[in-house]
Amino acid sequence: MRIAIAGIVEEGLIFSPIKATAADFRVLRGPDLLQSIEVDATLRELDMEPVPLLLATHLAPSGVVEEVAYVAWRDEIVEGLRNAGRLDGVCLLLHGAMTVERIWNGETDLLREVRAAT
C-alpha cells in the first residue's frame, strides 16, 4: 500500500498578537520528514510504502498563521498528491487548532483541498 504523508501543525492561540510566519516553522520534505516522525519500522511491518510530501511544524503556540505561508504549503501538499501516482491513502499530521488569516480554520481548509485532489 502506498500512503502519502503530509501535514501542517500549529497550535493557534487566537487571542495572541504574535503572528506565525514561515520563519517560525520547521519544514521537512522527503526522507527528512520520515526520519522526524520515526515510522520506518512500523511502515515495514505493515508493508506500506510511504510517500512523504511535506510537514510544516510550528514549535511553539502562537497567533494566526500568515496566509501566504499556509497557502504555499497547502498547495505544495496538494500538488504532491496529484503527482504521486496511485495512492491507497493519505496520512495527515495535524494539531487541530490552526487559525489562518482570511481562511480561519486551516485544518478544515487543508482537508477540503486534499479531498478534492484525491
N, C-alpha and C. Protein backbone atom coordinates (compact mmCIF):
# COMPACT_ATOMS: atom_id res chain seq x y z
N MET A 1 0.84 -1.19 0.00
CA MET A 1 0.00 0.00 0.00
C MET A 1 0.88 1.25 0.00
N ARG A 2 0.48 2.22 -0.78
CA ARG A 2 1.19 3.50 -0.84
C ARG A 2 0.39 4.55 -0.08
N ILE A 3 1.03 5.14 0.94
CA ILE A 3 0.37 6.12 1.79
C ILE A 3 1.14 7.43 1.74
N ALA A 4 0.47 8.50 1.31
CA ALA A 4 1.08 9.83 1.34
C ALA A 4 1.08 10.34 2.78
N ILE A 5 2.16 11.02 3.15
CA ILE A 5 2.27 11.58 4.49
C ILE A 5 2.57 13.07 4.36
N ALA A 6 1.74 13.89 5.02
CA ALA A 6 1.90 15.34 4.94
C ALA A 6 1.22 15.98 6.14
N GLY A 7 1.49 17.25 6.34
CA GLY A 7 0.78 17.95 7.40
C GLY A 7 1.31 19.35 7.63
N ILE A 8 0.48 20.12 8.30
CA ILE A 8 0.84 21.45 8.79
C ILE A 8 0.35 21.49 10.23
N VAL A 9 1.28 21.66 11.16
CA VAL A 9 0.96 21.54 12.57
C VAL A 9 1.24 22.87 13.27
N GLU A 10 0.21 23.43 13.90
CA GLU A 10 0.37 24.67 14.64
C GLU A 10 -0.70 24.74 15.71
N GLU A 11 -0.29 25.11 16.90
CA GLU A 11 -1.25 25.33 17.98
C GLU A 11 -1.57 26.81 18.03
N GLY A 12 -2.73 27.16 17.52
CA GLY A 12 -3.11 28.56 17.43
C GLY A 12 -3.77 29.07 18.69
N LEU A 13 -3.31 30.21 19.10
CA LEU A 13 -3.93 30.94 20.21
C LEU A 13 -4.53 32.20 19.61
N ILE A 14 -5.80 32.15 19.31
CA ILE A 14 -6.44 33.19 18.51
C ILE A 14 -6.31 34.58 19.11
N PHE A 15 -6.15 34.67 20.42
CA PHE A 15 -6.04 35.98 21.05
C PHE A 15 -4.60 36.48 21.14
N SER A 16 -3.64 35.67 20.69
CA SER A 16 -2.25 36.09 20.71
C SER A 16 -1.99 37.10 19.60
N PRO A 17 -1.29 38.17 19.91
CA PRO A 17 -0.95 39.16 18.89
C PRO A 17 0.24 38.74 18.02
N ILE A 18 0.88 37.62 18.35
CA ILE A 18 2.07 37.17 17.64
C ILE A 18 1.67 36.31 16.45
N LYS A 19 1.86 36.84 15.25
CA LYS A 19 1.52 36.10 14.03
C LYS A 19 2.60 35.05 13.75
N ALA A 20 2.19 33.86 13.32
CA ALA A 20 3.11 32.80 12.94
C ALA A 20 3.49 32.99 11.47
N THR A 21 4.77 33.19 11.21
CA THR A 21 5.25 33.38 9.85
C THR A 21 5.98 32.12 9.39
N ALA A 22 6.32 32.06 8.13
CA ALA A 22 7.02 30.89 7.59
C ALA A 22 8.32 30.63 8.35
N ALA A 23 8.99 31.67 8.79
CA ALA A 23 10.26 31.52 9.50
C ALA A 23 10.09 30.83 10.85
N ASP A 24 8.87 30.78 11.38
CA ASP A 24 8.60 30.17 12.68
C ASP A 24 8.36 28.67 12.59
N PHE A 25 8.36 28.10 11.40
CA PHE A 25 8.06 26.69 11.19
C PHE A 25 9.31 25.93 10.77
N ARG A 26 9.34 24.67 11.13
CA ARG A 26 10.35 23.75 10.60
C ARG A 26 9.64 22.99 9.48
N VAL A 27 10.18 23.04 8.29
CA VAL A 27 9.55 22.40 7.13
C VAL A 27 10.44 21.25 6.67
N LEU A 28 9.85 20.06 6.60
CA LEU A 28 10.57 18.87 6.20
C LEU A 28 9.90 18.24 4.98
N ARG A 29 10.74 17.67 4.14
CA ARG A 29 10.23 17.01 2.93
C ARG A 29 10.99 15.69 2.75
N GLY A 30 10.37 14.76 2.03
CA GLY A 30 11.04 13.52 1.66
C GLY A 30 11.56 12.74 2.86
N PRO A 31 12.75 12.15 2.73
CA PRO A 31 13.30 11.31 3.80
C PRO A 31 13.42 12.04 5.14
N ASP A 32 13.68 13.34 5.11
CA ASP A 32 13.77 14.10 6.36
C ASP A 32 12.45 14.06 7.12
N LEU A 33 11.35 14.10 6.40
CA LEU A 33 10.03 14.01 7.03
C LEU A 33 9.87 12.66 7.72
N LEU A 34 10.23 11.60 7.04
CA LEU A 34 10.08 10.26 7.61
C LEU A 34 10.95 10.08 8.85
N GLN A 35 12.16 10.59 8.82
CA GLN A 35 13.03 10.47 9.98
C GLN A 35 12.47 11.23 11.17
N SER A 36 11.82 12.34 10.93
CA SER A 36 11.31 13.17 12.03
C SER A 36 10.15 12.51 12.76
N ILE A 37 9.39 11.67 12.07
CA ILE A 37 8.25 11.03 12.73
C ILE A 37 8.51 9.58 13.08
N GLU A 38 9.71 9.08 12.73
CA GLU A 38 10.17 7.76 13.13
C GLU A 38 9.14 6.65 12.87
N VAL A 39 8.79 6.49 11.62
CA VAL A 39 7.77 5.50 11.26
C VAL A 39 8.32 4.35 10.41
N ASP A 40 9.60 4.36 10.12
CA ASP A 40 10.16 3.36 9.20
C ASP A 40 9.83 1.92 9.60
N ALA A 41 10.08 1.56 10.86
CA ALA A 41 9.84 0.18 11.30
C ALA A 41 8.36 -0.18 11.19
N THR A 42 7.50 0.72 11.60
CA THR A 42 6.06 0.46 11.54
C THR A 42 5.61 0.28 10.10
N LEU A 43 6.09 1.12 9.21
CA LEU A 43 5.71 1.01 7.80
C LEU A 43 6.17 -0.31 7.21
N ARG A 44 7.38 -0.74 7.56
CA ARG A 44 7.88 -2.03 7.05
C ARG A 44 7.02 -3.18 7.59
N GLU A 45 6.66 -3.11 8.86
CA GLU A 45 5.82 -4.16 9.46
C GLU A 45 4.48 -4.27 8.75
N LEU A 46 3.93 -3.14 8.37
CA LEU A 46 2.61 -3.11 7.74
C LEU A 46 2.69 -3.22 6.22
N ASP A 47 3.90 -3.39 5.69
CA ASP A 47 4.12 -3.50 4.26
C ASP A 47 3.55 -2.29 3.51
N MET A 48 3.87 -1.08 4.03
CA MET A 48 3.41 0.15 3.41
C MET A 48 4.58 0.91 2.80
N GLU A 49 4.32 1.52 1.67
CA GLU A 49 5.30 2.39 1.04
C GLU A 49 4.92 3.83 1.36
N PRO A 50 5.74 4.54 2.13
CA PRO A 50 5.41 5.93 2.43
C PRO A 50 5.72 6.83 1.24
N VAL A 51 4.89 7.83 1.05
CA VAL A 51 5.12 8.85 0.04
C VAL A 51 5.17 10.18 0.80
N PRO A 52 6.35 10.53 1.33
CA PRO A 52 6.45 11.74 2.15
C PRO A 52 6.39 13.00 1.30
N LEU A 53 5.49 13.90 1.64
CA LEU A 53 5.32 15.13 0.87
C LEU A 53 5.90 16.33 1.59
N LEU A 54 5.24 16.79 2.64
CA LEU A 54 5.69 17.98 3.35
C LEU A 54 5.11 17.97 4.76
N LEU A 55 5.93 18.36 5.73
CA LEU A 55 5.46 18.54 7.10
C LEU A 55 6.01 19.87 7.59
N ALA A 56 5.12 20.81 7.85
CA ALA A 56 5.49 22.11 8.42
C ALA A 56 5.03 22.11 9.87
N THR A 57 5.98 22.28 10.79
CA THR A 57 5.68 22.18 12.22
C THR A 57 6.10 23.45 12.92
N HIS A 58 5.14 24.07 13.60
CA HIS A 58 5.43 25.24 14.43
C HIS A 58 5.79 24.73 15.81
N LEU A 59 6.90 25.18 16.35
CA LEU A 59 7.42 24.59 17.57
C LEU A 59 6.85 25.18 18.85
N ALA A 60 6.10 26.27 18.75
CA ALA A 60 5.51 26.87 19.96
C ALA A 60 4.16 27.47 19.61
N PRO A 61 3.25 27.54 20.57
CA PRO A 61 1.96 28.17 20.29
C PRO A 61 2.15 29.63 19.86
N SER A 62 1.28 30.08 18.99
CA SER A 62 1.33 31.48 18.55
C SER A 62 -0.06 31.87 18.07
N GLY A 63 -0.13 33.04 17.51
CA GLY A 63 -1.40 33.52 16.98
C GLY A 63 -1.69 32.98 15.60
N VAL A 64 -2.34 33.77 14.83
CA VAL A 64 -2.79 33.39 13.49
C VAL A 64 -1.59 33.14 12.57
N VAL A 65 -1.71 32.12 11.72
CA VAL A 65 -0.68 31.81 10.72
C VAL A 65 -0.87 32.73 9.53
N GLU A 66 0.24 33.28 9.04
CA GLU A 66 0.14 34.16 7.88
C GLU A 66 -0.36 33.36 6.67
N GLU A 67 -1.28 33.94 5.95
CA GLU A 67 -1.94 33.26 4.83
C GLU A 67 -0.96 32.81 3.76
N VAL A 68 -0.01 33.64 3.40
CA VAL A 68 0.90 33.32 2.29
C VAL A 68 1.71 32.05 2.59
N ALA A 69 2.17 31.88 3.83
CA ALA A 69 2.94 30.68 4.19
C ALA A 69 2.04 29.45 4.14
N TYR A 70 0.88 29.54 4.78
CA TYR A 70 -0.03 28.40 4.81
C TYR A 70 -0.42 27.97 3.40
N VAL A 71 -0.82 28.91 2.57
CA VAL A 71 -1.29 28.58 1.22
C VAL A 71 -0.18 27.93 0.39
N ALA A 72 1.06 28.41 0.55
CA ALA A 72 2.17 27.81 -0.19
C ALA A 72 2.36 26.35 0.22
N TRP A 73 2.31 26.07 1.52
CA TRP A 73 2.47 24.68 1.98
C TRP A 73 1.29 23.82 1.58
N ARG A 74 0.07 24.35 1.74
CA ARG A 74 -1.13 23.60 1.33
C ARG A 74 -1.06 23.24 -0.14
N ASP A 75 -0.71 24.20 -0.97
CA ASP A 75 -0.66 23.96 -2.40
C ASP A 75 0.45 22.97 -2.77
N GLU A 76 1.56 22.99 -2.04
CA GLU A 76 2.62 22.02 -2.29
C GLU A 76 2.16 20.61 -1.95
N ILE A 77 1.42 20.48 -0.85
CA ILE A 77 0.87 19.17 -0.48
C ILE A 77 -0.10 18.68 -1.55
N VAL A 78 -1.00 19.53 -1.98
CA VAL A 78 -1.99 19.16 -2.99
C VAL A 78 -1.31 18.78 -4.30
N GLU A 79 -0.34 19.56 -4.71
CA GLU A 79 0.39 19.25 -5.95
C GLU A 79 1.14 17.92 -5.82
N GLY A 80 1.72 17.68 -4.64
CA GLY A 80 2.40 16.42 -4.40
C GLY A 80 1.46 15.24 -4.51
N LEU A 81 0.26 15.40 -3.99
CA LEU A 81 -0.75 14.33 -4.10
C LEU A 81 -1.12 14.07 -5.55
N ARG A 82 -1.28 15.13 -6.30
CA ARG A 82 -1.65 14.97 -7.71
C ARG A 82 -0.56 14.30 -8.53
N ASN A 83 0.70 14.49 -8.11
CA ASN A 83 1.83 13.94 -8.85
C ASN A 83 2.33 12.62 -8.28
N ALA A 84 1.71 12.12 -7.23
CA ALA A 84 2.22 10.93 -6.52
C ALA A 84 1.89 9.62 -7.21
N GLY A 85 1.04 9.64 -8.19
CA GLY A 85 0.61 8.38 -8.78
C GLY A 85 -0.45 7.73 -7.90
N ARG A 86 -0.58 6.41 -8.05
CA ARG A 86 -1.60 5.69 -7.30
C ARG A 86 -1.30 5.74 -5.80
N LEU A 87 -2.29 6.14 -5.03
CA LEU A 87 -2.18 6.16 -3.57
C LEU A 87 -3.32 5.34 -2.99
N ASP A 88 -3.04 4.65 -1.89
CA ASP A 88 -4.07 3.89 -1.18
C ASP A 88 -4.63 4.68 0.01
N GLY A 89 -3.95 5.75 0.38
CA GLY A 89 -4.42 6.55 1.49
C GLY A 89 -3.54 7.76 1.69
N VAL A 90 -4.01 8.63 2.57
CA VAL A 90 -3.28 9.84 2.94
C VAL A 90 -3.29 9.94 4.45
N CYS A 91 -2.12 10.10 5.03
CA CYS A 91 -1.98 10.32 6.47
C CYS A 91 -1.63 11.79 6.67
N LEU A 92 -2.57 12.55 7.24
CA LEU A 92 -2.31 13.96 7.51
C LEU A 92 -1.97 14.14 8.99
N LEU A 93 -0.86 14.78 9.24
CA LEU A 93 -0.43 15.07 10.60
C LEU A 93 -0.91 16.49 10.92
N LEU A 94 -1.85 16.58 11.84
CA LEU A 94 -2.48 17.86 12.17
C LEU A 94 -2.56 18.01 13.68
N HIS A 95 -2.68 19.25 14.13
CA HIS A 95 -2.86 19.51 15.56
C HIS A 95 -4.34 19.75 15.87
N GLY A 96 -5.00 20.50 15.02
CA GLY A 96 -6.42 20.75 15.21
C GLY A 96 -6.76 22.11 15.75
N ALA A 97 -5.77 22.99 15.85
CA ALA A 97 -6.04 24.31 16.42
C ALA A 97 -5.37 25.42 15.60
N MET A 98 -5.25 25.22 14.28
CA MET A 98 -4.58 26.21 13.45
C MET A 98 -5.59 27.21 12.88
N THR A 99 -5.29 28.47 13.09
CA THR A 99 -6.09 29.54 12.52
C THR A 99 -5.22 30.27 11.51
N VAL A 100 -5.75 30.47 10.31
CA VAL A 100 -5.01 31.12 9.22
C VAL A 100 -5.72 32.42 8.88
N GLU A 101 -4.93 33.48 8.72
CA GLU A 101 -5.55 34.76 8.39
C GLU A 101 -6.36 34.64 7.09
N ARG A 102 -7.54 35.20 7.08
CA ARG A 102 -8.50 35.24 5.97
C ARG A 102 -9.05 33.87 5.56
N ILE A 103 -8.61 32.78 6.19
CA ILE A 103 -9.13 31.45 5.89
C ILE A 103 -9.87 30.89 7.09
N TRP A 104 -9.44 31.24 8.25
CA TRP A 104 -9.94 30.82 9.56
C TRP A 104 -9.42 29.44 9.92
N ASN A 105 -10.15 28.36 9.71
CA ASN A 105 -9.73 27.05 10.18
C ASN A 105 -8.82 26.38 9.14
N GLY A 106 -7.53 26.33 9.44
CA GLY A 106 -6.56 25.78 8.50
C GLY A 106 -6.74 24.30 8.24
N GLU A 107 -7.05 23.53 9.29
CA GLU A 107 -7.22 22.08 9.09
C GLU A 107 -8.41 21.78 8.19
N THR A 108 -9.51 22.48 8.39
CA THR A 108 -10.68 22.25 7.54
C THR A 108 -10.36 22.59 6.09
N ASP A 109 -9.69 23.69 5.87
CA ASP A 109 -9.32 24.08 4.52
C ASP A 109 -8.40 23.04 3.88
N LEU A 110 -7.39 22.61 4.64
CA LEU A 110 -6.46 21.60 4.10
C LEU A 110 -7.18 20.30 3.76
N LEU A 111 -8.05 19.85 4.65
CA LEU A 111 -8.79 18.61 4.39
C LEU A 111 -9.65 18.72 3.13
N ARG A 112 -10.29 19.86 2.95
CA ARG A 112 -11.11 20.04 1.75
C ARG A 112 -10.26 19.97 0.48
N GLU A 113 -9.11 20.63 0.51
CA GLU A 113 -8.25 20.63 -0.67
C GLU A 113 -7.66 19.25 -0.94
N VAL A 114 -7.27 18.54 0.11
CA VAL A 114 -6.74 17.18 -0.06
C VAL A 114 -7.81 16.26 -0.61
N ARG A 115 -8.99 16.35 -0.06
CA ARG A 115 -10.09 15.50 -0.55
C ARG A 115 -10.38 15.79 -2.03
N ALA A 116 -10.37 17.04 -2.42
CA ALA A 116 -10.65 17.40 -3.82
C ALA A 116 -9.55 16.89 -4.75
N ALA A 117 -8.32 16.76 -4.23
CA ALA A 117 -7.19 16.34 -5.08
C ALA A 117 -7.05 14.83 -5.18
N THR A 118 -7.72 14.08 -4.29
CA THR A 118 -7.53 12.62 -4.30
C THR A 118 -8.76 11.89 -4.77
